[in-house]
Amino acid sequence: MMLYNLHTHHYTNNANIIELVNQYPWAFNDAIPQYSIGIHPWYIDENRLESDLQCIETQLALPECWALGECGLDKRIDIPMEIQIAVFEKQIALAEHYQKPLVLHLVAAYQELVAIKNRLHITVPVVLHGFSKNAQVAQQMVDHGFYLSFGKYLLRNPELKDVFASVPNDRFLLETDMMEETLEDVYLKAAQYKGMTLETLQQQVAANWKTIFKEY
């Protein structure tokens, strides 16, 4: 059965994996067959913002572009939050226009995300990638309609076991991001933590993926 990778920076061309490869507008590679594209909050550059947004819009119109991301908010960087929010909201508008899911990088800005979602009435699926917080935050995010994607922290932080187990089965995805471990490693750990067979877990992730990405 196929494996699904919600977020990776490394295109593997593995026939057994459907992977959403992260791209940046200023370094776009059209040889990658399926991807997300977005402005990460770490890399906001106001001098090229308009050209970056234009590139994102051009790609979102194409069937190979499956999502907008990673984008989002990060309170632990020096870029002012008002600038981050402005850039994030421009990308949300594009995702809504083209009806493509959002893949988020989110650090210490959960309340801000909820406020933005409610104010802008976001309708497209929103996935928080690399989730590593506690069960209370996980439940809050699920209650507000977000999906949670798990990867390296699932392998490296044993305290995430109960958090992951508590996430509803129809609300999680799995990923590798930039880690050295494989997607298979993540699937095996996820199956263990959910008390599922690997086959059942694969079926669940596949169903969740198709709910978010429809035809993909």
C-alpha atoms as a PDB file:
ATOM      1  CA  MET A   1       0.000   0.000   0.000  1.00  0.00           C
ATOM      2  CA  MET A   2       1.148   3.529  -0.766  1.00  0.00           C
ATOM      3  CA  LEU A   3       2.708   5.721   1.925  1.00  0.00           C
ATOM      4  CA  TYR A   4       1.885   9.447   2.134  1.00  0.00           C
ATOM      5  CA  ASN A   5       4.366  12.136   3.175  1.00  0.00           C
ATOM      6  CA  LEU A   6       2.683  15.423   4.075  1.00  0.00           C
ATOM      7  CA  HIS A   7       5.858  17.512   4.145  1.00  0.00           C
ATOM      8  CA  THR A   8       9.380  16.919   2.908  1.00  0.00           C
ATOM      9  CA  HIS A   9      12.236  19.031   1.601  1.00  0.00           C
ATOM     10  CA  HIS A  10      13.770  16.062  -0.210  1.00  0.00           C
ATOM     11  CA  TYR A  11      12.215  14.708  -3.407  1.00  0.00           C
ATOM     12  CA  THR A  12      12.873  10.953  -3.448  1.00  0.00           C
ATOM     13  CA  ASN A  13      11.030   9.812  -6.585  1.00  0.00           C
ATOM     14  CA  ASN A  14      10.043   6.679  -4.652  1.00  0.00           C
ATOM     15  CA  ALA A  15       7.270   4.815  -6.458  1.00  0.00           C
ATOM     16  CA  ASN A  16       5.820   3.650  -3.130  1.00  0.00           C
ATOM     17  CA  ILE A  17       5.497   7.119  -1.606  1.00  0.00           C
ATOM     18  CA  ILE A  18       3.246  10.007  -2.504  1.00  0.00           C
ATOM     19  CA  GLU A  19       5.095  13.017  -1.149  1.00  0.00           C
ATOM     20  CA  LEU A  20       4.307  16.696  -0.920  1.00  0.00           C
ATOM     21  CA  VAL A  21       7.660  18.359  -1.624  1.00  0.00           C
ATOM     22  CA  ASN A  22       8.144  21.793  -0.078  1.00  0.00           C
ATOM     23  CA  GLN A  23       9.223  24.509  -2.519  1.00  0.00           C
ATOM     24  CA  TYR A  24      10.119  28.172  -2.120  1.00  0.00           C
ATOM     25  CA  PRO A  25       9.152  30.689  -4.822  1.00  0.00           C
ATOM     26  CA  TRP A  26      12.699  32.076  -5.074  1.00  0.00           C
ATOM     27  CA  ALA A  27      14.159  28.609  -5.654  1.00  0.00           C
ATOM     28  CA  PHE A  28      11.402  26.869  -7.590  1.00  0.00           C
ATOM     29  CA  ASN A  29      12.280  23.604  -9.354  1.00  0.00           C
ATOM     30  CA  ASP A  30       9.827  22.625 -12.071  1.00  0.00           C
ATOM     31  CA  ALA A  31      11.338  19.118 -12.304  1.00  0.00           C
ATOM     32  CA  ILE A  32       9.502  18.120  -9.103  1.00  0.00           C
ATOM     33  CA  PRO A  33       6.160  16.588 -10.163  1.00  0.00           C
ATOM     34  CA  GLN A  34       4.058  17.466  -7.105  1.00  0.00           C
ATOM     35  CA  TYR A  35       4.711  20.081  -4.473  1.00  0.00           C
ATOM     36  CA  SER A  36       3.555  22.774  -2.121  1.00  0.00           C
ATOM     37  CA  ILE A  37       4.895  26.302  -2.411  1.00  0.00           C
ATOM     38  CA  GLY A  38       4.857  29.149   0.065  1.00  0.00           C
ATOM     39  CA  ILE A  39       6.730  31.824   1.973  1.00  0.00           C
ATOM     40  CA  HIS A  40       8.061  30.439   5.247  1.00  0.00           C
ATOM     41  CA  PRO A  41       7.971  33.117   7.972  1.00  0.00           C
ATOM     42  CA  TRP A  42      11.733  32.731   8.489  1.00  0.00           C
ATOM     43  CA  TYR A  43      12.380  33.779   4.906  1.00  0.00           C
ATOM     44  CA  ILE A  44      10.091  36.771   4.456  1.00  0.00           C
ATOM     45  CA  ASP A  45      11.900  39.342   2.328  1.00  0.00           C
ATOM     46  CA  GLU A  46       9.849  42.463   1.743  1.00  0.00           C
ATOM     47  CA  ASN A  47      12.077  43.411  -1.195  1.00  0.00           C
ATOM     48  CA  ARG A  48      10.890  40.403  -3.183  1.00  0.00           C
ATOM     49  CA  LEU A  49       7.490  39.865  -1.568  1.00  0.00           C
ATOM     50  CA  GLU A  50       5.406  40.782  -4.599  1.00  0.00           C
ATOM     51  CA  SER A  51       7.410  38.581  -6.956  1.00  0.00           C
ATOM     52  CA  ASP A  52       7.262  35.711  -4.455  1.00  0.00           C
ATOM     53  CA  LEU A  53       3.487  36.031  -4.174  1.00  0.00           C
ATOM     54  CA  GLN A  54       3.158  36.201  -7.963  1.00  0.00           C
ATOM     55  CA  CYS A  55       5.182  33.003  -8.304  1.00  0.00           C
ATOM     56  CA  ILE A  56       3.003  31.293  -5.705  1.00  0.00           C
ATOM     57  CA  GLU A  57      -0.156  32.342  -7.510  1.00  0.00           C
ATOM     58  CA  THR A  58       1.197  31.110 -10.847  1.00  0.00           C
ATOM     59  CA  GLN A  59       1.992  27.719  -9.352  1.00  0.00           C
ATOM     60  CA  LEU A  60      -1.285  27.395  -7.427  1.00  0.00           C
ATOM     61  CA  ALA A  61      -3.148  27.523 -10.727  1.00  0.00           C
ATOM     62  CA  LEU A  62      -1.368  24.353 -11.867  1.00  0.00           C
ATOM     63  CA  PRO A  63      -2.520  20.816 -11.035  1.00  0.00           C
ATOM     64  CA  GLU A  64       1.007  19.838  -9.931  1.00  0.00           C
ATOM     65  CA  CYS A  65       0.775  22.304  -7.048  1.00  0.00           C
ATOM     66  CA  TRP A  66      -1.195  20.495  -4.361  1.00  0.00           C
ATOM     67  CA  ALA A  67      -1.020  22.997  -1.498  1.00  0.00           C
ATOM     68  CA  LEU A  68       0.207  26.378  -0.323  1.00  0.00           C
ATOM     69  CA  GLY A  69       2.983  26.086   2.223  1.00  0.00           C
ATOM     70  CA  GLU A  70       4.829  25.996   4.230  1.00  0.00           C
ATOM     71  CA  CYS A  71       3.681  29.366   5.487  1.00  0.00           C
ATOM     72  CA  GLY A  72       2.600  30.555   8.904  1.00  0.00           C
ATOM     73  CA  LEU A  73       3.745  32.352  12.042  1.00  0.00           C
ATOM     74  CA  ASP A  74       6.730  32.079  14.374  1.00  0.00           C
ATOM     75  CA  LYS A  75       6.995  34.113  17.567  1.00  0.00           C
ATOM     76  CA  ARG A  76      10.605  33.089  18.144  1.00  0.00           C
ATOM     77  CA  ILE A  77      12.133  34.979  15.233  1.00  0.00           C
ATOM     78  CA  ASP A  78      13.008  38.639  14.826  1.00  0.00           C
ATOM     79  CA  ILE A  79      10.607  39.430  11.975  1.00  0.00           C
ATOM     80  CA  PRO A  80       7.786  41.528  13.516  1.00  0.00           C
ATOM     81  CA  MET A  81       4.544  39.648  14.028  1.00  0.00           C
ATOM     82  CA  GLU A  82       2.544  42.261  12.140  1.00  0.00           C
ATOM     83  CA  ILE A  83       4.665  41.630   9.031  1.00  0.00           C
ATOM     84  CA  GLN A  84       4.357  37.866   9.449  1.00  0.00           C
ATOM     85  CA  ILE A  85       0.582  38.125   9.794  1.00  0.00           C
ATOM     86  CA  ALA A  86       0.275  40.369   6.730  1.00  0.00           C
ATOM     87  CA  VAL A  87       2.273  37.932   4.573  1.00  0.00           C
ATOM     88  CA  PHE A  88       0.404  34.947   6.007  1.00  0.00           C
ATOM     89  CA  GLU A  89      -2.976  36.508   5.266  1.00  0.00           C
ATOM     90  CA  LYS A  90      -1.987  37.251   1.659  1.00  0.00           C
ATOM     91  CA  GLN A  91      -1.151  33.586   1.245  1.00  0.00           C
ATOM     92  CA  ILE A  92      -4.394  32.498   2.890  1.00  0.00           C
ATOM     93  CA  ALA A  93      -6.276  34.615   0.341  1.00  0.00           C
ATOM     94  CA  LEU A  94      -4.469  32.837  -2.498  1.00  0.00           C
ATOM     95  CA  ALA A  95      -5.163  29.410  -1.024  1.00  0.00           C
ATOM     96  CA  GLU A  96      -8.839  30.286  -0.693  1.00  0.00           C
ATOM     97  CA  HIS A  97      -9.022  31.618  -4.258  1.00  0.00           C
ATOM     98  CA  TYR A  98      -7.473  28.473  -5.725  1.00  0.00           C
ATOM     99  CA  GLN A  99      -9.041  26.140  -3.142  1.00  0.00           C
ATOM    100  CA  LYS A 100      -5.760  24.513  -2.178  1.00  0.00           C
ATOM    101  CA  PRO A 101      -4.947  23.278   1.355  1.00  0.00           C
ATOM    102  CA  LEU A 102      -2.556  25.181   3.629  1.00  0.00           C
ATOM    103  CA  VAL A 103       0.521  23.583   5.232  1.00  0.00           C
ATOM    104  CA  LEU A 104       1.630  25.609   8.236  1.00  0.00           C
ATOM    105  CA  HIS A 105       4.803  26.257  10.168  1.00  0.00           C
ATOM    106  CA  LEU A 106       3.504  27.458  13.519  1.00  0.00           C
ATOM    107  CA  VAL A 107       5.567  28.307  16.598  1.00  0.00           C
ATOM    108  CA  ALA A 108       3.998  29.759  19.759  1.00  0.00           C
ATOM    109  CA  ALA A 109       1.220  31.451  17.765  1.00  0.00           C
ATOM    110  CA  TYR A 110      -1.740  29.118  18.231  1.00  0.00           C
ATOM    111  CA  GLN A 111      -4.138  31.764  19.515  1.00  0.00           C
ATOM    112  CA  GLU A 112      -3.197  34.060  16.648  1.00  0.00           C
ATOM    113  CA  LEU A 113      -3.940  31.275  14.180  1.00  0.00           C
ATOM    114  CA  VAL A 114      -7.372  30.623  15.666  1.00  0.00           C
ATOM    115  CA  ALA A 115      -8.195  34.340  15.594  1.00  0.00           C
ATOM    116  CA  ILE A 116      -7.118  34.616  11.944  1.00  0.00           C
ATOM    117  CA  LYS A 117      -9.103  31.527  10.965  1.00  0.00           C
ATOM    118  CA  ASN A 118     -12.236  32.896  12.585  1.00  0.00           C
ATOM    119  CA  ARG A 119     -11.789  36.398  11.190  1.00  0.00           C
ATOM    120  CA  LEU A 120     -11.010  35.317   7.630  1.00  0.00           C
ATOM    121  CA  HIS A 121     -13.413  32.348   7.654  1.00  0.00           C
ATOM    122  CA  ILE A 122     -10.843  29.966   6.189  1.00  0.00           C
ATOM    123  CA  THR A 123     -12.587  27.134   4.344  1.00  0.00           C
ATOM    124  CA  VAL A 124      -9.684  25.139   2.882  1.00  0.00           C
ATOM    125  CA  PRO A 125      -8.082  22.345   4.914  1.00  0.00           C
ATOM    126  CA  VAL A 126      -5.275  23.548   7.187  1.00  0.00           C
ATOM    127  CA  VAL A 127      -2.488  21.197   8.339  1.00  0.00           C
ATOM    128  CA  LEU A 128      -0.055  22.089  11.125  1.00  0.00           C
ATOM    129  CA  HIS A 129       3.133  20.315  10.149  1.00  0.00           C
ATOM    130  CA  GLY A 130       5.722  18.986  12.595  1.00  0.00           C
ATOM    131  CA  PHE A 131       3.349  19.036  15.552  1.00  0.00           C
ATOM    132  CA  SER A 132       5.089  18.597  18.916  1.00  0.00           C
ATOM    133  CA  LYS A 133       2.922  20.230  21.572  1.00  0.00           C
ATOM    134  CA  ASN A 134       0.861  18.794  24.431  1.00  0.00           C
ATOM    135  CA  ALA A 135      -2.522  17.098  24.333  1.00  0.00           C
ATOM    136  CA  GLN A 136      -4.358  20.258  25.371  1.00  0.00           C
ATOM    137  CA  VAL A 137      -2.995  22.230  22.405  1.00  0.00           C
ATOM    138  CA  ALA A 138      -3.629  19.280  20.114  1.00  0.00           C
ATOM    139  CA  GLN A 139      -7.256  19.081  21.222  1.00  0.00           C
ATOM    140  CA  GLN A 140      -7.714  22.820  20.819  1.00  0.00           C
ATOM    141  CA  MET A 141      -6.363  22.718  17.273  1.00  0.00           C
ATOM    142  CA  VAL A 142      -8.531  19.736  16.356  1.00  0.00           C
ATOM    143  CA  ASP A 143     -11.574  21.465  17.862  1.00  0.00           C
ATOM    144  CA  HIS A 144     -10.933  24.423  15.568  1.00  0.00           C
ATOM    145  CA  GLY A 145     -10.837  22.163  12.526  1.00  0.00           C
ATOM    146  CA  PHE A 146      -7.107  21.829  11.939  1.00  0.00           C
ATOM    147  CA  TYR A 147      -5.224  18.689  10.950  1.00  0.00           C
ATOM    148  CA  LEU A 148      -1.964  17.747  12.684  1.00  0.00           C
ATOM    149  CA  SER A 149       1.040  16.217  10.944  1.00  0.00           C
ATOM    150  CA  PHE A 150       3.657  14.279  12.918  1.00  0.00           C
ATOM    151  CA  GLY A 151       7.224  13.374  12.015  1.00  0.00           C
ATOM    152  CA  LYS A 152      10.581  13.650  13.726  1.00  0.00           C
ATOM    153  CA  TYR A 153       9.213  14.543  17.153  1.00  0.00           C
ATOM    154  CA  LEU A 154       7.124  11.383  17.123  1.00  0.00           C
ATOM    155  CA  LEU A 155      10.373   9.431  16.827  1.00  0.00           C
ATOM    156  CA  ARG A 156      12.476  11.515  19.207  1.00  0.00           C
ATOM    157  CA  ASN A 157      10.134  12.609  21.987  1.00  0.00           C
ATOM    158  CA  PRO A 158       8.525   9.730  23.935  1.00  0.00           C
ATOM    159  CA  GLU A 159       6.216  12.222  25.678  1.00  0.00           C
ATOM    160  CA  LEU A 160       4.440  12.701  22.340  1.00  0.00           C
ATOM    161  CA  LYS A 161       3.104   9.133  22.479  1.00  0.00           C
ATOM    162  CA  ASP A 162      -0.003  10.019  24.499  1.00  0.00           C
ATOM    163  CA  VAL A 163      -0.538  13.221  22.527  1.00  0.00           C
ATOM    164  CA  PHE A 164      -0.517  11.360  19.223  1.00  0.00           C
ATOM    165  CA  ALA A 165      -2.734   8.603  20.592  1.00  0.00           C
ATOM    166  CA  SER A 166      -5.285  11.231  21.663  1.00  0.00           C
ATOM    167  CA  VAL A 167      -5.590  12.824  18.208  1.00  0.00           C
ATOM    168  CA  PRO A 168      -8.712  11.581  16.386  1.00  0.00           C
ATOM    169  CA  ASN A 169      -7.833   9.058  13.698  1.00  0.00           C
ATOM    170  CA  ASP A 170      -9.304  11.237  10.961  1.00  0.00           C
ATOM    171  CA  ARG A 171      -7.200  14.286  11.911  1.00  0.00           C
ATOM    172  CA  PHE A 172      -3.547  13.285  11.528  1.00  0.00           C
ATOM    173  CA  LEU A 173      -0.973  12.897   8.787  1.00  0.00           C
ATOM    174  CA  LEU A 174       2.687  11.836   8.777  1.00  0.00           C
ATOM    175  CA  GLU A 175       5.832  13.447   7.379  1.00  0.00           C
ATOM    176  CA  THR A 176       9.626  13.450   7.257  1.00  0.00           C
ATOM    177  CA  ASP A 177      10.399  17.183   6.833  1.00  0.00           C
ATOM    178  CA  MET A 178      14.238  17.343   6.794  1.00  0.00           C
ATOM    179  CA  MET A 179      15.074  14.446   9.117  1.00  0.00           C
ATOM    180  CA  GLU A 180      17.404  11.549   8.337  1.00  0.00           C
ATOM    181  CA  GLU A 181      14.956   8.841   9.444  1.00  0.00           C
ATOM    182  CA  THR A 182      12.622   7.396   6.842  1.00  0.00           C
ATOM    183  CA  LEU A 183       8.882   7.728   6.355  1.00  0.00           C
ATOM    184  CA  GLU A 184       8.636   4.009   7.079  1.00  0.00           C
ATOM    185  CA  ASP A 185      10.156   4.702  10.512  1.00  0.00           C
ATOM    186  CA  VAL A 186       7.438   7.267  11.187  1.00  0.00           C
ATOM    187  CA  TYR A 187       4.674   4.902  10.063  1.00  0.00           C
ATOM    188  CA  LEU A 188       5.954   2.110  12.296  1.00  0.00           C
ATOM    189  CA  LYS A 189       6.106   4.359  15.348  1.00  0.00           C
ATOM    190  CA  ALA A 190       2.680   5.829  14.582  1.00  0.00           C
ATOM    191  CA  ALA A 191       1.129   2.368  14.277  1.00  0.00           C
ATOM    192  CA  GLN A 192       2.684   1.381  17.603  1.00  0.00           C
ATOM    193  CA  TYR A 193       1.393   4.495  19.362  1.00  0.00           C
ATOM    194  CA  LYS A 194      -2.092   4.130  17.892  1.00  0.00           C
ATOM    195  CA  GLY A 195      -2.262   0.416  18.687  1.00  0.00           C
ATOM    196  CA  MET A 196      -2.960  -0.322  15.031  1.00  0.00           C
ATOM    197  CA  THR A 197      -1.515  -2.774  12.572  1.00  0.00           C
ATOM    198  CA  LEU A 198       0.688  -1.113   9.988  1.00  0.00           C
ATOM    199  CA  GLU A 199      -1.874  -1.931   7.304  1.00  0.00           C
ATOM    200  CA  THR A 200      -4.707  -0.309   9.252  1.00  0.00           C
ATOM    201  CA  LEU A 201      -2.589   2.785   9.852  1.00  0.00           C
ATOM    202  CA  GLN A 202      -1.744   3.002   6.155  1.00  0.00           C
ATOM    203  CA  GLN A 203      -5.433   2.830   5.291  1.00  0.00           C
ATOM    204  CA  GLN A 204      -6.233   5.585   7.794  1.00  0.00           C
ATOM    205  CA  VAL A 205      -3.522   7.929   6.544  1.00  0.00           C
ATOM    206  CA  ALA A 206      -4.601   7.304   2.952  1.00  0.00           C
ATOM    207  CA  ALA A 207      -8.196   8.170   3.845  1.00  0.00           C
ATOM    208  CA  ASN A 208      -7.124  11.348   5.652  1.00  0.00           C
ATOM    209  CA  TRP A 209      -4.941  12.376   2.719  1.00  0.00           C
ATOM    210  CA  LYS A 210      -7.784  11.942   0.238  1.00  0.00           C
ATOM    211  CA  THR A 211     -10.097  13.990   2.464  1.00  0.00           C
ATOM    212  CA  ILE A 212      -7.627  16.894   2.376  1.00  0.00           C
ATOM    213  CA  PHE A 213      -6.255  16.618  -1.144  1.00  0.00           C
ATOM    214  CA  LYS A 214      -9.318  15.173  -2.904  1.00  0.00           C
ATOM    215  CA  GLU A 215      -8.145  13.866  -6.281  1.00  0.00           C
ATOM    216  CA  TYR A 216      -4.508  13.414  -5.281  1.00  0.00           C
END
